[in-house]
Amino acid sequence: MFKLIDEILNQYRIWFKREETFVWFIIIVVEMLLRTEMKGITTIFPLKSL
């Protein structure tokens, strides 16, 4: 399953010029897949202390 997720997310690599931006994209997508509450993306940012 991880290989499939990796293959899918790597298809979006061409959208990002910077590696750091792509890494943040991956972090957000994976967190949305693993979260148990469904309150939206705004609940991710307080967890990251941003």
C-alpha atoms as a PDB file:
ATOM      1  CA  MET A   1       0.000   0.000   0.000  1.00  0.00           C
ATOM      2  CA  PHE A   2       2.863   2.384   0.803  1.00  0.00           C
ATOM      3  CA  LYS A   3       4.363   1.748  -2.603  1.00  0.00           C
ATOM      4  CA  LEU A   4       1.076   2.668  -4.287  1.00  0.00           C
ATOM      5  CA  ILE A   5       0.785   5.884  -2.255  1.00  0.00           C
ATOM      6  CA  ASP A   6       4.407   6.712  -3.096  1.00  0.00           C
ATOM      7  CA  GLU A   7       3.809   6.169  -6.805  1.00  0.00           C
ATOM      8  CA  ILE A   8       0.688   8.337  -6.780  1.00  0.00           C
ATOM      9  CA  LEU A   9       2.284  11.192  -4.822  1.00  0.00           C
ATOM     10  CA  ASN A  10       5.439  11.175  -6.950  1.00  0.00           C
ATOM     11  CA  GLN A  11       3.282  11.946  -9.980  1.00  0.00           C
ATOM     12  CA  TYR A  12       2.674  15.372  -8.419  1.00  0.00           C
ATOM     13  CA  ARG A  13       6.420  16.095  -8.104  1.00  0.00           C
ATOM     14  CA  ILE A  14       6.454  18.008 -11.406  1.00  0.00           C
ATOM     15  CA  TRP A  15       4.055  20.599  -9.923  1.00  0.00           C
ATOM     16  CA  PHE A  16       6.680  21.769  -7.404  1.00  0.00           C
ATOM     17  CA  LYS A  17       9.869  23.650  -8.243  1.00  0.00           C
ATOM     18  CA  ARG A  18      11.281  23.407  -4.719  1.00  0.00           C
ATOM     19  CA  GLU A  19      11.930  20.181  -2.830  1.00  0.00           C
ATOM     20  CA  GLU A  20      10.824  21.713   0.477  1.00  0.00           C
ATOM     21  CA  THR A  21       7.422  22.657  -0.909  1.00  0.00           C
ATOM     22  CA  PHE A  22       6.929  19.126  -2.194  1.00  0.00           C
ATOM     23  CA  VAL A  23       7.857  17.694   1.215  1.00  0.00           C
ATOM     24  CA  TRP A  24       5.224  19.911   2.890  1.00  0.00           C
ATOM     25  CA  PHE A  25       2.687  18.695   0.329  1.00  0.00           C
ATOM     26  CA  ILE A  26       3.541  15.073   1.203  1.00  0.00           C
ATOM     27  CA  ILE A  27       3.276  15.784   4.944  1.00  0.00           C
ATOM     28  CA  ILE A  28      -0.156  17.370   4.564  1.00  0.00           C
ATOM     29  CA  VAL A  29      -1.504  14.586   2.320  1.00  0.00           C
ATOM     30  CA  VAL A  30      -0.240  11.815   4.613  1.00  0.00           C
ATOM     31  CA  GLU A  31      -1.660  13.543   7.688  1.00  0.00           C
ATOM     32  CA  MET A  32      -5.029  13.869   5.984  1.00  0.00           C
ATOM     33  CA  LEU A  33      -4.930  10.131   5.234  1.00  0.00           C
ATOM     34  CA  LEU A  34      -4.023   9.190   8.813  1.00  0.00           C
ATOM     35  CA  ARG A  35      -6.225  11.590  10.822  1.00  0.00           C
ATOM     36  CA  THR A  36      -9.185  10.256  12.725  1.00  0.00           C
ATOM     37  CA  GLU A  37     -11.167  13.489  13.030  1.00  0.00           C
ATOM     38  CA  MET A  38     -12.601  15.111   9.923  1.00  0.00           C
ATOM     39  CA  LYS A  39     -12.545  18.790  10.824  1.00  0.00           C
ATOM     40  CA  GLY A  40     -10.575  19.945   7.785  1.00  0.00           C
ATOM     41  CA  ILE A  41      -7.079  21.015   6.902  1.00  0.00           C
ATOM     42  CA  THR A  42      -7.005  23.859   9.436  1.00  0.00           C
ATOM     43  CA  THR A  43      -6.667  21.350  12.284  1.00  0.00           C
ATOM     44  CA  ILE A  44      -3.283  20.221  10.917  1.00  0.00           C
ATOM     45  CA  PHE A  45      -1.528  23.575  11.283  1.00  0.00           C
ATOM     46  CA  PRO A  46      -1.925  24.007  15.068  1.00  0.00           C
ATOM     47  CA  LEU A  47      -0.322  20.573  15.448  1.00  0.00           C
ATOM     48  CA  LYS A  48       2.718  21.802  13.512  1.00  0.00           C
ATOM     49  CA  SER A  49       3.045  25.015  15.596  1.00  0.00           C
ATOM     50  CA  LEU A  50       2.882  27.186  12.489  1.00  0.00           C
END
